[in-house]
Amino acid sequence: MSNPLIYSVVPIEFRLDLKDPFIFCAHHIDHYPKGNADLGPATPALNKEYNMYYGETVPGFPEHPHTGFETITLVEQGYVDHFDSLGNAGRYTEGDVQWLTTGNGVEHCEMFPLLHEDRENPFELFQIWFNSSPEQKKQPADYRMFWREQIPHVFESDPEDRKSDIRVISGAFKHTDAIPRPPHSWAAAAENKVNIYLITLAPEAELTIPATTATSNRFCYFYEGKTLDVEDQTIDFKHLVELKADADIHLKSGLLESRILWLEGEPINAPVAMRGPFVLNSNEELDAAFRRYRETHFGEWPWPSPAPVFEKVQPRFATYNGGERKEFPEQL
């Protein structure tokens, strides 16, 4: 790259390959049709018609295990019904974020009920696979919901009064802090500088992202719009840009509104051994984790099926402590 602040620009179809402490990010988009009474598609799904259709009736990912890392799920469109082997469950939707630390093992399912029978059910989410430190991989699994009503927004205007909206998912943007992350997350400690933003720029709006540490890894994913100027280099829609971290980065939207996923953080600097849904530090640890999973399934699955969903009328909510505590965002 001729620009010393831009290390690489990569076109993206589905998966964003990232660097420590991030593992990768999947950008899921599916154009689901009208739903039926069973919350599945009113018209039968053809083979491989959708990216995320692993359930028999309802789209989504039935019961499956994870250990050793974190999933950060940011929903842009559609609904997610969550169930896990900790006995927790919930429903979340557009603008909400779920942060799950899988620690020493958990099973969960993520189903995408099609609630609307009178119109199509477009679906879009980001799921970031985020690594854990060796010590955090040994801790109990945990999760936290970041409801859209709670997520801080920073609104800025450029000299021409063109607007930018920065949703602060993790870390801080200038003097605005994010909601606390789960306690056994690499992102929970401020010194790790794990900043995750969802940025919306009005047409031709300009915004400067402040520098972070020289040792951090930093990425800008331009996922909606026409063009985006990054340090005066024009970037096309659906491209991932790796950037110098210890420099201010100037952004300017093209003629259409631009949306950006911004990721940066200090590396964990530990070996990574990954096999399917398990992320540990060595092949020996992976072998031991798979043996433990075969013996224990990371706890009993307390739900009536591998792919449960809630009734259509269920509002957004989450449970914690094995279902003992319920949380409804409208009541917060």
C-alpha atoms as a PDB file:
ATOM      1  CA  MET A   1       0.000   0.000   0.000  1.00  0.00           C
ATOM      2  CA  SER A   2       1.285   3.497  -0.844  1.00  0.00           C
ATOM      3  CA  ASN A   3      -0.396   5.006   2.222  1.00  0.00           C
ATOM      4  CA  PRO A   4       1.716   4.242   5.339  1.00  0.00           C
ATOM      5  CA  LEU A   5      -1.415   4.261   7.545  1.00  0.00           C
ATOM      6  CA  ILE A   6      -3.144   1.537   5.485  1.00  0.00           C
ATOM      7  CA  TYR A   7      -1.649  -1.942   5.681  1.00  0.00           C
ATOM      8  CA  SER A   8      -4.143  -3.864   3.519  1.00  0.00           C
ATOM      9  CA  VAL A   9      -7.558  -3.668   1.799  1.00  0.00           C
ATOM     10  CA  VAL A  10      -9.403  -6.967   1.307  1.00  0.00           C
ATOM     11  CA  PRO A  11     -12.801  -7.634  -0.354  1.00  0.00           C
ATOM     12  CA  ILE A  12     -15.280  -9.462   1.884  1.00  0.00           C
ATOM     13  CA  GLU A  13     -18.013 -11.926   0.986  1.00  0.00           C
ATOM     14  CA  PHE A  14     -18.803 -13.410   4.398  1.00  0.00           C
ATOM     15  CA  ARG A  15     -15.810 -13.877   6.724  1.00  0.00           C
ATOM     16  CA  LEU A  16     -13.455 -11.191   7.984  1.00  0.00           C
ATOM     17  CA  ASP A  17     -10.067 -12.700   8.868  1.00  0.00           C
ATOM     18  CA  LEU A  18      -8.669 -10.621  11.717  1.00  0.00           C
ATOM     19  CA  LYS A  19      -5.715 -10.545  14.125  1.00  0.00           C
ATOM     20  CA  ASP A  20      -5.175 -11.085  17.854  1.00  0.00           C
ATOM     21  CA  PRO A  21      -7.210 -10.575  20.060  1.00  0.00           C
ATOM     22  CA  PHE A  22      -9.875 -11.058  17.349  1.00  0.00           C
ATOM     23  CA  ILE A  23     -10.118 -14.427  15.609  1.00  0.00           C
ATOM     24  CA  PHE A  24     -12.556 -13.648  12.807  1.00  0.00           C
ATOM     25  CA  CYS A  25     -15.925 -12.007  12.218  1.00  0.00           C
ATOM     26  CA  ALA A  26     -18.799 -13.447  10.186  1.00  0.00           C
ATOM     27  CA  HIS A  27     -21.116 -10.967   8.461  1.00  0.00           C
ATOM     28  CA  HIS A  28     -24.356 -12.918   8.091  1.00  0.00           C
ATOM     29  CA  ILE A  29     -27.042 -11.675   5.687  1.00  0.00           C
ATOM     30  CA  ASP A  30     -30.113 -13.684   4.681  1.00  0.00           C
ATOM     31  CA  HIS A  31     -33.267 -12.546   2.900  1.00  0.00           C
ATOM     32  CA  TYR A  32     -35.790 -14.790   4.616  1.00  0.00           C
ATOM     33  CA  PRO A  33     -39.344 -14.779   3.198  1.00  0.00           C
ATOM     34  CA  LYS A  34     -42.635 -14.338   5.047  1.00  0.00           C
ATOM     35  CA  GLY A  35     -42.963 -16.606   8.061  1.00  0.00           C
ATOM     36  CA  ASN A  36     -45.549 -19.237   8.911  1.00  0.00           C
ATOM     37  CA  ALA A  37     -47.272 -20.249  12.154  1.00  0.00           C
ATOM     38  CA  ASP A  38     -44.227 -22.350  13.140  1.00  0.00           C
ATOM     39  CA  LEU A  39     -41.858 -19.351  12.716  1.00  0.00           C
ATOM     40  CA  GLY A  40     -40.244 -20.981   9.695  1.00  0.00           C
ATOM     41  CA  PRO A  41     -40.466 -19.800   6.069  1.00  0.00           C
ATOM     42  CA  ALA A  42     -43.920 -19.762   4.459  1.00  0.00           C
ATOM     43  CA  THR A  43     -42.307 -21.081   1.275  1.00  0.00           C
ATOM     44  CA  PRO A  44     -40.046 -24.149   1.622  1.00  0.00           C
ATOM     45  CA  ALA A  45     -36.330 -23.415   1.708  1.00  0.00           C
ATOM     46  CA  LEU A  46     -34.398 -24.894  -1.204  1.00  0.00           C
ATOM     47  CA  ASN A  47     -31.039 -26.560  -0.634  1.00  0.00           C
ATOM     48  CA  LYS A  48     -28.381 -23.932   0.196  1.00  0.00           C
ATOM     49  CA  GLU A  49     -30.801 -21.095  -0.548  1.00  0.00           C
ATOM     50  CA  TYR A  50     -29.844 -19.418   2.736  1.00  0.00           C
ATOM     51  CA  ASN A  51     -26.499 -19.007   4.487  1.00  0.00           C
ATOM     52  CA  MET A  52     -27.829 -19.792   7.960  1.00  0.00           C
ATOM     53  CA  TYR A  53     -30.359 -22.587   7.843  1.00  0.00           C
ATOM     54  CA  TYR A  54     -29.354 -25.537   9.988  1.00  0.00           C
ATOM     55  CA  GLY A  55     -32.631 -26.072  11.844  1.00  0.00           C
ATOM     56  CA  GLU A  56     -35.334 -28.397  10.544  1.00  0.00           C
ATOM     57  CA  THR A  57     -38.051 -25.716  10.681  1.00  0.00           C
ATOM     58  CA  VAL A  58     -36.716 -22.410  11.994  1.00  0.00           C
ATOM     59  CA  PRO A  59     -33.496 -20.963  10.547  1.00  0.00           C
ATOM     60  CA  GLY A  60     -30.482 -20.812  12.808  1.00  0.00           C
ATOM     61  CA  PHE A  61     -27.897 -22.918  14.592  1.00  0.00           C
ATOM     62  CA  PRO A  62     -29.273 -25.680  16.878  1.00  0.00           C
ATOM     63  CA  GLU A  63     -27.461 -26.896  20.005  1.00  0.00           C
ATOM     64  CA  HIS A  64     -23.667 -26.840  19.615  1.00  0.00           C
ATOM     65  CA  PRO A  65     -20.616 -26.476  21.919  1.00  0.00           C
ATOM     66  CA  HIS A  66     -17.929 -23.826  22.365  1.00  0.00           C
ATOM     67  CA  THR A  67     -14.947 -23.385  24.642  1.00  0.00           C
ATOM     68  CA  GLY A  68     -11.985 -21.067  25.025  1.00  0.00           C
ATOM     69  CA  PHE A  69     -13.138 -17.847  23.346  1.00  0.00           C
ATOM     70  CA  GLU A  70     -15.968 -15.307  23.182  1.00  0.00           C
ATOM     71  CA  THR A  71     -18.782 -14.627  20.741  1.00  0.00           C
ATOM     72  CA  ILE A  72     -19.964 -11.054  20.305  1.00  0.00           C
ATOM     73  CA  THR A  73     -23.217 -11.010  18.338  1.00  0.00           C
ATOM     74  CA  LEU A  74     -24.433  -7.670  16.947  1.00  0.00           C
ATOM     75  CA  VAL A  75     -27.886  -7.823  15.355  1.00  0.00           C
ATOM     76  CA  GLU A  76     -28.732  -5.339  12.605  1.00  0.00           C
ATOM     77  CA  GLN A  77     -31.985  -6.929  11.362  1.00  0.00           C
ATOM     78  CA  GLY A  78     -34.157  -9.844  12.506  1.00  0.00           C
ATOM     79  CA  TYR A  79     -34.564 -11.777  15.765  1.00  0.00           C
ATOM     80  CA  VAL A  80     -32.383 -14.231  17.695  1.00  0.00           C
ATOM     81  CA  ASP A  81     -33.670 -16.743  20.271  1.00  0.00           C
ATOM     82  CA  HIS A  82     -30.866 -17.864  22.585  1.00  0.00           C
ATOM     83  CA  PHE A  83     -30.788 -20.984  24.807  1.00  0.00           C
ATOM     84  CA  ASP A  84     -27.775 -22.440  26.619  1.00  0.00           C
ATOM     85  CA  SER A  85     -26.650 -25.262  28.880  1.00  0.00           C
ATOM     86  CA  LEU A  86     -26.354 -22.820  31.796  1.00  0.00           C
ATOM     87  CA  GLY A  87     -30.156 -22.718  31.838  1.00  0.00           C
ATOM     88  CA  ASN A  88     -30.327 -19.198  30.419  1.00  0.00           C
ATOM     89  CA  ALA A  89     -32.386 -18.013  27.479  1.00  0.00           C
ATOM     90  CA  GLY A  90     -33.567 -14.843  25.789  1.00  0.00           C
ATOM     91  CA  ARG A  91     -34.751 -13.057  22.680  1.00  0.00           C
ATOM     92  CA  TYR A  92     -32.981 -10.084  21.147  1.00  0.00           C
ATOM     93  CA  THR A  93     -33.257  -8.096  17.953  1.00  0.00           C
ATOM     94  CA  GLU A  94     -32.137  -5.109  15.891  1.00  0.00           C
ATOM     95  CA  GLY A  95     -29.628  -2.937  17.745  1.00  0.00           C
ATOM     96  CA  ASP A  96     -29.046  -5.430  20.580  1.00  0.00           C
ATOM     97  CA  VAL A  97     -25.716  -7.146  21.307  1.00  0.00           C
ATOM     98  CA  GLN A  98     -25.021 -10.418  23.105  1.00  0.00           C
ATOM     99  CA  TRP A  99     -21.562 -10.993  24.594  1.00  0.00           C
ATOM    100  CA  LEU A 100     -20.863 -14.629  25.522  1.00  0.00           C
ATOM    101  CA  THR A 101     -17.649 -15.808  27.181  1.00  0.00           C
ATOM    102  CA  THR A 102     -17.496 -19.558  26.589  1.00  0.00           C
ATOM    103  CA  GLY A 103     -14.691 -20.137  29.133  1.00  0.00           C
ATOM    104  CA  ASN A 104     -14.247 -23.795  30.024  1.00  0.00           C
ATOM    105  CA  GLY A 105     -17.249 -24.882  27.983  1.00  0.00           C
ATOM    106  CA  VAL A 106     -20.899 -24.232  27.169  1.00  0.00           C
ATOM    107  CA  GLU A 107     -23.519 -25.437  24.705  1.00  0.00           C
ATOM    108  CA  HIS A 108     -25.970 -23.010  23.164  1.00  0.00           C
ATOM    109  CA  CYS A 109     -28.281 -22.553  20.228  1.00  0.00           C
ATOM    110  CA  GLU A 110     -29.065 -19.455  18.197  1.00  0.00           C
ATOM    111  CA  MET A 111     -32.334 -19.656  16.282  1.00  0.00           C
ATOM    112  CA  PHE A 112     -33.719 -16.964  13.973  1.00  0.00           C
ATOM    113  CA  PRO A 113     -37.537 -17.053  14.211  1.00  0.00           C
ATOM    114  CA  LEU A 114     -39.429 -15.506  11.302  1.00  0.00           C
ATOM    115  CA  LEU A 115     -42.000 -13.514  13.261  1.00  0.00           C
ATOM    116  CA  HIS A 116     -43.643 -11.657  10.395  1.00  0.00           C
ATOM    117  CA  GLU A 117     -46.247 -13.504   8.325  1.00  0.00           C
ATOM    118  CA  ASP A 118     -47.364 -10.385   6.437  1.00  0.00           C
ATOM    119  CA  ARG A 119     -43.950  -9.349   5.111  1.00  0.00           C
ATOM    120  CA  GLU A 120     -40.462 -10.677   4.478  1.00  0.00           C
ATOM    121  CA  ASN A 121     -38.016 -11.260   7.344  1.00  0.00           C
ATOM    122  CA  PRO A 122     -34.621  -9.812   6.360  1.00  0.00           C
ATOM    123  CA  PHE A 123     -31.813 -10.880   8.672  1.00  0.00           C
ATOM    124  CA  GLU A 124     -28.352  -9.442   9.287  1.00  0.00           C
ATOM    125  CA  LEU A 125     -25.852  -9.833  12.094  1.00  0.00           C
ATOM    126  CA  PHE A 126     -22.167  -9.733  12.866  1.00  0.00           C
ATOM    127  CA  GLN A 127     -20.689 -12.456  15.021  1.00  0.00           C
ATOM    128  CA  ILE A 128     -17.189 -11.714  16.207  1.00  0.00           C
ATOM    129  CA  TRP A 129     -15.088 -14.614  17.476  1.00  0.00           C
ATOM    130  CA  PHE A 130     -12.883 -12.980  20.086  1.00  0.00           C
ATOM    131  CA  ASN A 131     -10.074 -14.814  21.853  1.00  0.00           C
ATOM    132  CA  SER A 132      -9.635 -15.307  25.605  1.00  0.00           C
ATOM    133  CA  SER A 133      -6.410 -15.362  27.582  1.00  0.00           C
ATOM    134  CA  PRO A 134      -5.120 -18.755  28.801  1.00  0.00           C
ATOM    135  CA  GLU A 135      -6.448 -18.024  32.303  1.00  0.00           C
ATOM    136  CA  GLN A 136      -9.847 -16.853  31.011  1.00  0.00           C
ATOM    137  CA  LYS A 137     -10.249 -20.086  29.038  1.00  0.00           C
ATOM    138  CA  LYS A 138     -10.428 -21.916  32.394  1.00  0.00           C
ATOM    139  CA  GLN A 139     -13.229 -19.771  33.852  1.00  0.00           C
ATOM    140  CA  PRO A 140     -16.966 -20.611  33.903  1.00  0.00           C
ATOM    141  CA  ALA A 141     -18.961 -19.525  30.872  1.00  0.00           C
ATOM    142  CA  ASP A 142     -20.980 -16.318  31.210  1.00  0.00           C
ATOM    143  CA  TYR A 143     -22.919 -13.893  29.064  1.00  0.00           C
ATOM    144  CA  ARG A 144     -24.391 -10.414  29.099  1.00  0.00           C
ATOM    145  CA  MET A 145     -26.978  -8.637  26.996  1.00  0.00           C
ATOM    146  CA  PHE A 146     -26.301  -5.111  25.795  1.00  0.00           C
ATOM    147  CA  TRP A 147     -29.763  -3.789  24.980  1.00  0.00           C
ATOM    148  CA  ARG A 148     -29.977  -1.117  22.301  1.00  0.00           C
ATOM    149  CA  GLU A 149     -31.490   1.288  24.836  1.00  0.00           C
ATOM    150  CA  GLN A 150     -28.320   0.980  26.973  1.00  0.00           C
ATOM    151  CA  ILE A 151     -25.593   1.097  24.315  1.00  0.00           C
ATOM    152  CA  PRO A 152     -23.903   4.520  24.370  1.00  0.00           C
ATOM    153  CA  HIS A 153     -23.986   6.651  21.231  1.00  0.00           C
ATOM    154  CA  VAL A 154     -21.564   9.470  20.483  1.00  0.00           C
ATOM    155  CA  PHE A 155     -22.923  12.020  18.021  1.00  0.00           C
ATOM    156  CA  GLU A 156     -20.437  14.256  16.259  1.00  0.00           C
ATOM    157  CA  SER A 157     -20.685  16.920  13.551  1.00  0.00           C
ATOM    158  CA  ASP A 158     -18.003  17.942  11.091  1.00  0.00           C
ATOM    159  CA  PRO A 159     -17.364  21.616  10.135  1.00  0.00           C
ATOM    160  CA  GLU A 160     -20.183  21.388   7.557  1.00  0.00           C
ATOM    161  CA  ASP A 161     -22.577  20.035  10.239  1.00  0.00           C
ATOM    162  CA  ARG A 162     -22.682  16.573   8.648  1.00  0.00           C
ATOM    163  CA  LYS A 163     -23.463  13.968  11.289  1.00  0.00           C
ATOM    164  CA  SER A 164     -21.703  10.868  12.577  1.00  0.00           C
ATOM    165  CA  ASP A 165     -23.172   8.338  15.020  1.00  0.00           C
ATOM    166  CA  ILE A 166     -20.706   6.101  16.889  1.00  0.00           C
ATOM    167  CA  ARG A 167     -22.255   3.204  18.848  1.00  0.00           C
ATOM    168  CA  VAL A 168     -19.732   2.215  21.518  1.00  0.00           C
ATOM    169  CA  ILE A 169     -19.984  -1.573  21.939  1.00  0.00           C
ATOM    170  CA  SER A 170     -16.681  -2.057  23.767  1.00  0.00           C
ATOM    171  CA  GLY A 171     -14.002   0.163  25.256  1.00  0.00           C
ATOM    172  CA  ALA A 172     -14.463   3.894  24.869  1.00  0.00           C
ATOM    173  CA  PHE A 173     -14.774   6.559  22.205  1.00  0.00           C
ATOM    174  CA  LYS A 174     -13.057   9.678  23.488  1.00  0.00           C
ATOM    175  CA  HIS A 175     -14.721  10.220  26.890  1.00  0.00           C
ATOM    176  CA  THR A 176     -17.695   7.862  26.438  1.00  0.00           C
ATOM    177  CA  ASP A 177     -17.342   4.379  27.938  1.00  0.00           C
ATOM    178  CA  ALA A 178     -19.154   1.227  26.798  1.00  0.00           C
ATOM    179  CA  ILE A 179     -21.294  -1.000  28.993  1.00  0.00           C
ATOM    180  CA  PRO A 180     -19.040  -3.235  31.169  1.00  0.00           C
ATOM    181  CA  ARG A 181     -18.068  -6.476  29.442  1.00  0.00           C
ATOM    182  CA  PRO A 182     -18.400  -9.868  31.181  1.00  0.00           C
ATOM    183  CA  PRO A 183     -15.762 -10.111  33.921  1.00  0.00           C
ATOM    184  CA  HIS A 184     -13.738 -12.969  32.357  1.00  0.00           C
ATOM    185  CA  SER A 185     -13.290 -11.173  29.033  1.00  0.00           C
ATOM    186  CA  TRP A 186     -10.004  -9.851  27.644  1.00  0.00           C
ATOM    187  CA  ALA A 187     -12.032  -6.765  26.734  1.00  0.00           C
ATOM    188  CA  ALA A 188     -13.082  -6.112  30.355  1.00  0.00           C
ATOM    189  CA  ALA A 189      -9.744  -4.522  31.332  1.00  0.00           C
ATOM    190  CA  ALA A 190      -9.358  -0.929  30.119  1.00  0.00           C
ATOM    191  CA  GLU A 191      -5.618  -1.391  29.504  1.00  0.00           C
ATOM    192  CA  ASN A 192      -6.369  -3.891  26.719  1.00  0.00           C
ATOM    193  CA  LYS A 193      -7.937  -1.086  24.666  1.00  0.00           C
ATOM    194  CA  VAL A 194     -10.536  -3.327  23.001  1.00  0.00           C
ATOM    195  CA  ASN A 195     -12.652  -0.792  21.140  1.00  0.00           C
ATOM    196  CA  ILE A 196     -15.586  -1.964  19.035  1.00  0.00           C
ATOM    197  CA  TYR A 197     -17.732   0.645  17.309  1.00  0.00           C
ATOM    198  CA  LEU A 198     -20.613   0.612  14.860  1.00  0.00           C
ATOM    199  CA  ILE A 199     -20.297   3.870  12.957  1.00  0.00           C
ATOM    200  CA  THR A 200     -22.864   5.563  10.716  1.00  0.00           C
ATOM    201  CA  LEU A 201     -21.699   8.518   8.615  1.00  0.00           C
ATOM    202  CA  ALA A 202     -24.160  10.823   6.864  1.00  0.00           C
ATOM    203  CA  PRO A 203     -23.428  11.420   3.151  1.00  0.00           C
ATOM    204  CA  GLU A 204     -20.051  13.180   2.804  1.00  0.00           C
ATOM    205  CA  ALA A 205     -19.634  13.372   6.606  1.00  0.00           C
ATOM    206  CA  GLU A 206     -16.096  13.420   7.990  1.00  0.00           C
ATOM    207  CA  LEU A 207     -14.902  11.791  11.205  1.00  0.00           C
ATOM    208  CA  THR A 208     -11.521  11.241  12.850  1.00  0.00           C
ATOM    209  CA  ILE A 209     -10.927   8.120  14.950  1.00  0.00           C
ATOM    210  CA  PRO A 210      -8.318   8.801  17.663  1.00  0.00           C
ATOM    211  CA  ALA A 211      -5.057   6.871  17.783  1.00  0.00           C
ATOM    212  CA  THR A 212      -4.695   3.917  20.123  1.00  0.00           C
ATOM    213  CA  THR A 213      -1.521   2.024  21.111  1.00  0.00           C
ATOM    214  CA  ALA A 214       1.246   1.067  18.694  1.00  0.00           C
ATOM    215  CA  THR A 215       0.912  -2.603  19.676  1.00  0.00           C
ATOM    216  CA  SER A 216      -2.842  -2.847  18.988  1.00  0.00           C
ATOM    217  CA  ASN A 217      -4.368  -4.431  15.892  1.00  0.00           C
ATOM    218  CA  ARG A 218      -6.932  -2.263  14.094  1.00  0.00           C
ATOM    219  CA  PHE A 219      -9.538  -2.922  11.378  1.00  0.00           C
ATOM    220  CA  CYS A 220     -12.241  -0.947   9.575  1.00  0.00           C
ATOM    221  CA  TYR A 221     -14.960  -2.942   7.784  1.00  0.00           C
ATOM    222  CA  PHE A 222     -17.011  -0.794   5.380  1.00  0.00           C
ATOM    223  CA  TYR A 223     -20.200  -2.818   5.052  1.00  0.00           C
ATOM    224  CA  GLU A 224     -22.889  -0.469   3.744  1.00  0.00           C
ATOM    225  CA  GLY A 225     -22.710   2.484   1.384  1.00  0.00           C
ATOM    226  CA  LYS A 226     -21.078   3.287  -1.937  1.00  0.00           C
ATOM    227  CA  THR A 227     -17.556   4.521  -1.213  1.00  0.00           C
ATOM    228  CA  LEU A 228     -15.601   5.547   1.857  1.00  0.00           C
ATOM    229  CA  ASP A 229     -12.424   7.621   1.916  1.00  0.00           C
ATOM    230  CA  VAL A 230      -9.945   6.344   4.506  1.00  0.00           C
ATOM    231  CA  GLU A 231      -6.980   8.701   4.779  1.00  0.00           C
ATOM    232  CA  ASP A 232      -7.847   9.988   1.288  1.00  0.00           C
ATOM    233  CA  GLN A 233      -7.818   6.491  -0.210  1.00  0.00           C
ATOM    234  CA  THR A 234     -11.178   5.483  -1.693  1.00  0.00           C
ATOM    235  CA  ILE A 235     -12.492   2.160  -0.362  1.00  0.00           C
ATOM    236  CA  ASP A 236     -15.338   0.280  -2.019  1.00  0.00           C
ATOM    237  CA  PHE A 237     -18.349  -1.227  -0.273  1.00  0.00           C
ATOM    238  CA  LYS A 238     -17.711  -4.536   1.579  1.00  0.00           C
ATOM    239  CA  HIS A 239     -13.973  -4.180   2.027  1.00  0.00           C
ATOM    240  CA  LEU A 240     -11.889  -4.715   5.164  1.00  0.00           C
ATOM    241  CA  VAL A 241      -9.061  -2.261   5.843  1.00  0.00           C
ATOM    242  CA  GLU A 242      -6.209  -3.002   8.247  1.00  0.00           C
ATOM    243  CA  LEU A 243      -4.814   0.216   9.682  1.00  0.00           C
ATOM    244  CA  LYS A 244      -1.917   1.616  11.664  1.00  0.00           C
ATOM    245  CA  ALA A 245      -3.157   1.777  15.243  1.00  0.00           C
ATOM    246  CA  ASP A 246      -1.093   4.599  16.773  1.00  0.00           C
ATOM    247  CA  ALA A 247      -2.315   7.274  14.361  1.00  0.00           C
ATOM    248  CA  ASP A 248      -5.481   9.307  14.030  1.00  0.00           C
ATOM    249  CA  ILE A 249      -7.508   7.990  11.076  1.00  0.00           C
ATOM    250  CA  HIS A 250      -9.616  10.349   8.984  1.00  0.00           C
ATOM    251  CA  LEU A 251     -12.800   8.993   7.375  1.00  0.00           C
ATOM    252  CA  LYS A 252     -15.100  10.624   4.835  1.00  0.00           C
ATOM    253  CA  SER A 253     -18.318   9.115   3.540  1.00  0.00           C
ATOM    254  CA  GLY A 254     -19.199   9.061  -0.130  1.00  0.00           C
ATOM    255  CA  LEU A 255     -22.441  10.387  -1.612  1.00  0.00           C
ATOM    256  CA  LEU A 256     -24.479   7.800   0.309  1.00  0.00           C
ATOM    257  CA  GLU A 257     -24.666   7.067   4.022  1.00  0.00           C
ATOM    258  CA  SER A 258     -21.796   4.816   5.123  1.00  0.00           C
ATOM    259  CA  ARG A 259     -21.792   2.152   7.834  1.00  0.00           C
ATOM    260  CA  ILE A 260     -18.634   0.775   9.395  1.00  0.00           C
ATOM    261  CA  LEU A 261     -17.659  -1.898  11.902  1.00  0.00           C
ATOM    262  CA  TRP A 262     -14.527  -0.701  13.696  1.00  0.00           C
ATOM    263  CA  LEU A 263     -12.354  -3.173  15.655  1.00  0.00           C
ATOM    264  CA  GLU A 264      -9.130  -2.586  17.587  1.00  0.00           C
ATOM    265  CA  GLY A 265      -7.397  -4.050  20.605  1.00  0.00           C
ATOM    266  CA  GLU A 266      -4.203  -5.137  22.311  1.00  0.00           C
ATOM    267  CA  PRO A 267      -3.120  -8.685  21.383  1.00  0.00           C
ATOM    268  CA  ILE A 268      -3.171 -11.492  23.946  1.00  0.00           C
ATOM    269  CA  ASN A 269       0.115 -12.844  22.551  1.00  0.00           C
ATOM    270  CA  ALA A 270      -0.598 -16.479  23.393  1.00  0.00           C
ATOM    271  CA  PRO A 271      -0.493 -19.509  21.066  1.00  0.00           C
ATOM    272  CA  VAL A 272      -3.777 -20.262  19.271  1.00  0.00           C
ATOM    273  CA  ALA A 273      -4.949 -23.797  18.513  1.00  0.00           C
ATOM    274  CA  MET A 274      -8.384 -23.919  16.876  1.00  0.00           C
ATOM    275  CA  ARG A 275     -10.458 -26.932  15.911  1.00  0.00           C
ATOM    276  CA  GLY A 276     -14.038 -26.267  14.879  1.00  0.00           C
ATOM    277  CA  PRO A 277     -15.849 -24.462  17.724  1.00  0.00           C
ATOM    278  CA  PHE A 278     -12.992 -24.859  20.248  1.00  0.00           C
ATOM    279  CA  VAL A 279     -10.140 -22.325  20.596  1.00  0.00           C
ATOM    280  CA  LEU A 280      -7.346 -23.217  23.019  1.00  0.00           C
ATOM    281  CA  ASN A 281      -3.564 -22.833  23.208  1.00  0.00           C
ATOM    282  CA  SER A 282      -2.289 -26.244  22.048  1.00  0.00           C
ATOM    283  CA  ASN A 283      -3.393 -29.393  20.265  1.00  0.00           C
ATOM    284  CA  GLU A 284      -3.059 -31.285  23.554  1.00  0.00           C
ATOM    285  CA  GLU A 285      -5.532 -28.879  25.167  1.00  0.00           C
ATOM    286  CA  LEU A 286      -7.885 -29.340  22.224  1.00  0.00           C
ATOM    287  CA  ASP A 287      -7.732 -33.119  22.558  1.00  0.00           C
ATOM    288  CA  ALA A 288      -8.487 -32.856  26.283  1.00  0.00           C
ATOM    289  CA  ALA A 289     -11.397 -30.467  25.648  1.00  0.00           C
ATOM    290  CA  PHE A 290     -12.970 -32.794  23.083  1.00  0.00           C
ATOM    291  CA  ARG A 291     -12.656 -35.724  25.487  1.00  0.00           C
ATOM    292  CA  ARG A 292     -14.287 -33.662  28.229  1.00  0.00           C
ATOM    293  CA  TYR A 293     -17.078 -32.630  25.892  1.00  0.00           C
ATOM    294  CA  ARG A 294     -17.790 -36.233  24.882  1.00  0.00           C
ATOM    295  CA  GLU A 295     -17.990 -37.173  28.573  1.00  0.00           C
ATOM    296  CA  THR A 296     -19.943 -34.197  29.936  1.00  0.00           C
ATOM    297  CA  HIS A 297     -21.454 -32.221  27.033  1.00  0.00           C
ATOM    298  CA  PHE A 298     -20.437 -29.209  29.147  1.00  0.00           C
ATOM    299  CA  GLY A 299     -23.516 -29.821  31.318  1.00  0.00           C
ATOM    300  CA  GLU A 300     -27.014 -31.137  30.733  1.00  0.00           C
ATOM    301  CA  TRP A 301     -29.073 -29.543  27.953  1.00  0.00           C
ATOM    302  CA  PRO A 302     -32.178 -28.364  29.858  1.00  0.00           C
ATOM    303  CA  TRP A 303     -34.400 -27.555  26.855  1.00  0.00           C
ATOM    304  CA  PRO A 304     -37.013 -29.750  25.128  1.00  0.00           C
ATOM    305  CA  SER A 305     -35.228 -29.845  21.753  1.00  0.00           C
ATOM    306  CA  PRO A 306     -31.870 -28.952  20.191  1.00  0.00           C
ATOM    307  CA  ALA A 307     -33.526 -25.992  18.418  1.00  0.00           C
ATOM    308  CA  PRO A 308     -36.183 -24.431  20.671  1.00  0.00           C
ATOM    309  CA  VAL A 309     -37.807 -21.066  19.980  1.00  0.00           C
ATOM    310  CA  PHE A 310     -40.168 -18.823  21.905  1.00  0.00           C
ATOM    311  CA  GLU A 311     -43.739 -18.024  20.930  1.00  0.00           C
ATOM    312  CA  LYS A 312     -44.245 -15.237  18.422  1.00  0.00           C
ATOM    313  CA  VAL A 313     -45.614 -12.836  21.058  1.00  0.00           C
ATOM    314  CA  GLN A 314     -42.564 -13.130  23.343  1.00  0.00           C
ATOM    315  CA  PRO A 315     -40.966  -9.682  23.851  1.00  0.00           C
ATOM    316  CA  ARG A 316     -37.235  -9.149  24.153  1.00  0.00           C
ATOM    317  CA  PHE A 317     -35.767 -10.458  27.385  1.00  0.00           C
ATOM    318  CA  ALA A 318     -32.862 -12.369  28.915  1.00  0.00           C
ATOM    319  CA  THR A 319     -32.423 -14.662  31.891  1.00  0.00           C
ATOM    320  CA  TYR A 320     -29.357 -15.054  34.069  1.00  0.00           C
ATOM    321  CA  ASN A 321     -28.153 -17.292  36.930  1.00  0.00           C
ATOM    322  CA  GLY A 322     -29.630 -20.419  35.396  1.00  0.00           C
ATOM    323  CA  GLY A 323     -32.928 -18.703  34.670  1.00  0.00           C
ATOM    324  CA  GLU A 324     -33.387 -17.323  38.201  1.00  0.00           C
ATOM    325  CA  ARG A 325     -33.299 -13.663  37.128  1.00  0.00           C
ATOM    326  CA  LYS A 326     -35.241 -12.225  34.190  1.00  0.00           C
ATOM    327  CA  GLU A 327     -34.402  -8.951  32.499  1.00  0.00           C
ATOM    328  CA  PHE A 328     -36.720  -7.001  30.184  1.00  0.00           C
ATOM    329  CA  PRO A 329     -35.109  -3.990  28.480  1.00  0.00           C
ATOM    330  CA  GLU A 330     -38.338  -1.971  28.595  1.00  0.00           C
ATOM    331  CA  GLN A 331     -38.183  -2.150  32.410  1.00  0.00           C
ATOM    332  CA  LEU A 332     -34.568  -0.989  32.792  1.00  0.00           C
END
